[in-house]
Amino acid sequence: MDLQPVPYPLAKWLSDKVLAGALLLLLSPVFAVVYVAMALDMLFARRDRGPWLYRERRISSGREFDLLKFRAIRGDALERQSGAEAHARLLEADPGNLTWAGRRILKPWYLDELPQLFNVLRGDLSLVGPRPWPPSMVGDQVAAGYDYRNRVMAGWTGPAQVQKGITEPAGYTELDLGYVEACRTWSGARLVRHDLGILWQTVRVLARGEGLQY
């Protein structure tokens, strides 16, 4: 098994920091709308009250970190998961587990993922790369022969996230492996140009509201 780390070029590192900071400034009105929506939701719906942010342990370059999300899940649903590995996606499949803001605002436009821009600034994530998975899922993938999530910087978005309609895990893995190979073999400048294309596709997906619908 190849345990060599996948390069994280200086050009990609610099673009991550600059673009993440610029996106935080550009999207500050969106952050404000989310905060207002969540505040009103918690004001009028007692069962939706709780912390603003939700944290999950994820893997990036073989290291565990706290992935940040706006909380879209009700507190009682999170309590039922207490003691198990946190994985919001499993709870989000049932709309009854979501807050009003989660159902109507956060999930349809993926706005719950915006705090991960701070993960990028902190060095936990790149803007583009394979999405970070929980430790148990990474372990299962390694057992199946794919160790790249232990070797490459995970991403806020990635080539798999802008390809709507993929249902088979193998399809996501193939796209991830293609990106990992690009990180290994391309120059930093070429990789940054590729990342910019994926980021633009991500913006289009967000603008179309192609997230979870209830």
Protein backbone atom coordinates (compact mmCIF):
# COMPACT_ATOMS: atom_id res chain seq x y z
CA MET A 1 0.00 0.00 0.00
CA ASP A 2 1.39 3.42 -0.98
CA LEU A 3 1.64 5.56 2.16
CA GLN A 4 3.51 8.45 0.55
CA PRO A 5 1.81 11.82 1.16
CA VAL A 6 0.32 13.50 -1.90
CA PRO A 7 1.96 16.89 -2.59
CA TYR A 8 0.20 20.08 -1.49
CA PRO A 9 1.93 22.67 -3.72
CA LEU A 10 2.71 26.16 -2.43
CA ALA A 11 0.60 27.70 -5.22
CA LYS A 12 -2.41 25.66 -4.10
CA TRP A 13 -1.78 26.55 -0.43
CA LEU A 14 -1.62 30.26 -1.26
CA SER A 15 -4.73 30.16 -3.44
CA ASP A 16 -6.61 28.30 -0.70
CA LYS A 17 -5.85 30.98 1.88
CA VAL A 18 -6.50 33.95 -0.39
CA LEU A 19 -9.69 32.57 -1.93
CA ALA A 20 -11.10 31.29 1.38
CA GLY A 21 -10.61 34.75 2.90
CA ALA A 22 -12.16 36.42 -0.15
CA LEU A 23 -15.13 34.03 -0.09
CA LEU A 24 -15.74 34.76 3.59
CA LEU A 25 -15.89 38.47 2.82
CA LEU A 26 -18.00 38.00 -0.31
CA LEU A 27 -20.41 35.65 1.44
CA SER A 28 -20.70 37.68 4.64
CA PRO A 29 -24.29 38.76 3.69
CA VAL A 30 -25.17 35.06 3.30
CA PHE A 31 -23.71 34.32 6.74
CA ALA A 32 -25.87 37.15 8.11
CA VAL A 33 -29.02 35.70 6.48
CA VAL A 34 -28.23 32.27 7.93
CA TYR A 35 -27.72 33.69 11.43
CA VAL A 36 -31.01 35.61 11.26
CA ALA A 37 -32.90 32.55 9.96
CA MET A 38 -31.45 30.30 12.65
CA ALA A 39 -32.13 32.88 15.37
CA LEU A 40 -35.78 33.27 14.35
CA ASP A 41 -36.15 29.51 14.11
CA MET A 42 -34.78 28.99 17.62
CA LEU A 43 -36.88 31.86 18.95
CA PHE A 44 -40.18 30.40 17.76
CA ALA A 45 -39.43 26.64 17.76
CA ARG A 46 -38.17 25.40 21.12
CA ARG A 47 -37.18 21.98 19.78
CA ASP A 48 -34.87 23.64 17.22
CA ARG A 49 -32.78 25.39 19.87
CA GLY A 50 -29.14 24.54 20.39
CA PRO A 51 -25.62 25.56 19.39
CA TRP A 52 -25.08 27.45 16.15
CA LEU A 53 -22.29 25.17 14.97
CA TYR A 54 -22.03 21.39 14.71
CA ARG A 55 -18.69 19.59 14.75
CA GLU A 56 -17.76 16.20 13.32
CA ARG A 57 -14.46 14.34 13.50
CA ARG A 58 -13.12 13.85 9.99
CA ILE A 59 -9.87 12.81 8.31
CA SER A 60 -7.62 14.99 6.14
CA SER A 61 -4.11 13.83 5.16
CA GLY A 62 -4.42 11.09 7.76
CA ARG A 63 -5.11 13.57 10.58
CA GLU A 64 -8.35 13.91 12.54
CA PHE A 65 -9.91 17.36 12.89
CA ASP A 66 -13.25 18.97 13.76
CA LEU A 67 -15.24 19.73 10.60
CA LEU A 68 -17.45 22.80 11.15
CA LYS A 69 -21.05 23.07 9.94
CA PHE A 70 -24.01 25.26 10.72
CA ARG A 71 -26.28 23.05 12.81
CA ALA A 72 -29.17 21.83 10.65
CA ILE A 73 -30.15 18.96 12.97
CA ARG A 74 -32.37 19.21 16.03
CA GLY A 75 -30.72 18.76 19.42
CA ASP A 76 -32.79 15.73 20.38
CA ALA A 77 -31.72 13.92 17.19
CA LEU A 78 -28.08 14.64 17.99
CA GLU A 79 -28.58 13.33 21.52
CA ARG A 80 -29.84 10.02 20.14
CA GLN A 81 -26.55 9.73 18.27
CA SER A 82 -24.54 10.45 21.45
CA GLY A 83 -21.80 7.91 22.02
CA ALA A 84 -21.65 6.88 18.35
CA GLU A 85 -19.43 8.37 15.67
CA ALA A 86 -20.94 11.67 14.54
CA HIS A 87 -22.15 11.56 10.96
CA ALA A 88 -24.78 14.17 10.14
CA ARG A 89 -25.53 12.73 6.69
CA LEU A 90 -27.22 9.70 8.26
CA LEU A 91 -29.51 11.92 10.34
CA GLU A 92 -30.21 14.33 7.48
CA ALA A 93 -31.86 11.56 5.47
CA ASP A 94 -34.89 11.92 7.77
CA PRO A 95 -36.41 15.43 7.45
CA GLY A 96 -37.95 14.97 10.89
CA ASN A 97 -34.45 15.29 12.36
CA LEU A 98 -33.88 18.72 10.83
CA THR A 99 -34.64 22.17 12.15
CA TRP A 100 -36.91 24.44 10.12
CA ALA A 101 -33.87 26.46 9.02
CA GLY A 102 -32.09 23.24 8.12
CA ARG A 103 -34.95 22.02 5.91
CA ARG A 104 -35.78 25.31 4.21
CA ILE A 105 -32.51 27.22 4.01
CA LEU A 106 -29.36 25.34 4.98
CA LYS A 107 -29.60 21.99 3.21
CA PRO A 108 -31.19 23.02 -0.15
CA TRP A 109 -28.26 25.40 -0.83
CA TYR A 110 -25.55 23.59 1.14
CA LEU A 111 -25.24 26.66 3.36
CA ASP A 112 -24.48 24.49 6.37
CA GLU A 113 -21.07 23.84 4.76
CA LEU A 114 -19.99 27.51 4.73
CA PRO A 115 -18.17 27.45 8.11
CA GLN A 116 -15.71 25.01 6.55
CA LEU A 117 -14.07 28.03 4.94
CA PHE A 118 -12.62 28.59 8.43
CA ASN A 119 -11.33 24.99 8.29
CA VAL A 120 -9.51 25.99 5.09
CA LEU A 121 -7.94 29.03 6.77
CA ARG A 122 -6.98 26.85 9.75
CA GLY A 123 -5.18 24.39 7.48
CA ASP A 124 -7.55 21.46 8.01
CA LEU A 125 -8.86 21.50 4.43
CA SER A 126 -8.05 22.65 0.94
CA LEU A 127 -10.75 24.39 -1.07
CA VAL A 128 -10.72 21.48 -3.53
CA GLY A 129 -10.02 17.83 -2.89
CA PRO A 130 -11.75 14.58 -1.88
CA ARG A 131 -14.36 15.33 0.76
CA PRO A 132 -13.27 14.45 4.33
CA TRP A 133 -14.84 11.28 5.72
CA PRO A 134 -15.34 10.09 9.32
CA PRO A 135 -12.56 7.85 10.67
CA SER A 136 -14.60 4.62 10.48
CA MET A 137 -15.48 5.20 6.83
CA VAL A 138 -11.86 5.99 6.00
CA GLY A 139 -10.89 2.75 7.74
CA ASP A 140 -13.39 0.80 5.63
CA GLN A 141 -12.07 2.43 2.47
CA VAL A 142 -8.47 1.62 3.40
CA ALA A 143 -9.51 -2.01 4.01
CA ALA A 144 -10.94 -2.00 0.48
CA GLY A 145 -7.56 -0.90 -0.87
CA TYR A 146 -7.95 2.88 -1.16
CA ASP A 147 -5.75 4.83 1.24
CA TYR A 148 -5.74 8.22 -0.49
CA ARG A 149 -7.76 9.97 2.22
CA ASN A 150 -4.84 9.30 4.57
CA ARG A 151 -2.40 10.86 2.10
CA VAL A 152 -4.12 13.88 0.51
CA MET A 153 -5.55 17.12 1.87
CA ALA A 154 -9.33 16.84 1.94
CA GLY A 155 -11.45 19.49 0.25
CA TRP A 156 -14.36 21.83 0.96
CA THR A 157 -15.60 20.78 -2.47
CA GLY A 158 -14.27 18.44 -5.11
CA PRO A 159 -14.76 16.90 -8.54
CA ALA A 160 -17.31 14.42 -7.16
CA GLN A 161 -19.43 17.15 -5.54
CA VAL A 162 -20.09 18.97 -8.82
CA GLN A 163 -21.18 15.81 -10.66
CA LYS A 164 -24.85 15.49 -9.79
CA GLY A 165 -26.60 12.19 -10.37
CA ILE A 166 -23.82 9.83 -9.32
CA THR A 167 -25.29 7.11 -7.13
CA GLU A 168 -22.53 4.50 -6.99
CA PRO A 169 -19.64 4.98 -4.52
CA ALA A 170 -17.28 3.68 -7.19
CA GLY A 171 -18.11 6.72 -9.32
CA TYR A 172 -17.05 9.10 -6.55
CA THR A 173 -13.88 7.09 -5.89
CA GLU A 174 -12.90 7.24 -9.56
CA LEU A 175 -13.28 11.03 -9.61
CA ASP A 176 -11.34 11.37 -6.35
CA LEU A 177 -8.52 9.19 -7.66
CA GLY A 178 -8.33 11.29 -10.82
CA TYR A 179 -7.90 14.40 -8.71
CA VAL A 180 -5.28 12.75 -6.48
CA GLU A 181 -3.31 11.80 -9.60
CA ALA A 182 -3.49 15.43 -10.76
CA CYS A 183 -2.09 16.54 -7.38
CA ARG A 184 0.78 14.08 -7.82
CA THR A 185 1.71 14.92 -11.39
CA TRP A 186 0.59 18.45 -12.31
CA SER A 187 2.40 21.70 -11.65
CA GLY A 188 1.03 23.95 -8.91
CA ALA A 189 -0.16 26.53 -11.44
CA ARG A 190 -2.05 23.96 -13.50
CA LEU A 191 -3.64 22.50 -10.38
CA VAL A 192 -4.80 25.94 -9.22
CA ARG A 193 -6.43 26.59 -12.62
CA HIS A 194 -8.19 23.23 -12.34
CA ASP A 195 -9.32 24.09 -8.80
CA LEU A 196 -10.76 27.40 -10.00
CA GLY A 197 -12.86 25.53 -12.56
CA ILE A 198 -14.22 23.18 -9.88
CA LEU A 199 -14.96 26.13 -7.58
CA TRP A 200 -16.90 27.86 -10.36
CA GLN A 201 -18.92 24.68 -10.96
CA THR A 202 -19.58 24.53 -7.20
CA VAL A 203 -20.92 28.09 -7.22
CA ARG A 204 -23.30 27.13 -10.04
CA VAL A 205 -24.53 24.09 -8.08
CA LEU A 206 -25.12 26.29 -5.01
CA ALA A 207 -26.95 28.92 -7.04
CA ARG A 208 -29.28 26.31 -8.53
CA GLY A 209 -30.23 25.01 -5.07
CA GLU A 210 -29.46 21.39 -5.94
CA GLY A 211 -29.02 20.26 -2.35
CA LEU A 212 -31.44 18.21 -0.26
CA GLN A 213 -35.09 19.06 -0.87
CA TYR A 214 -37.96 18.25 1.53
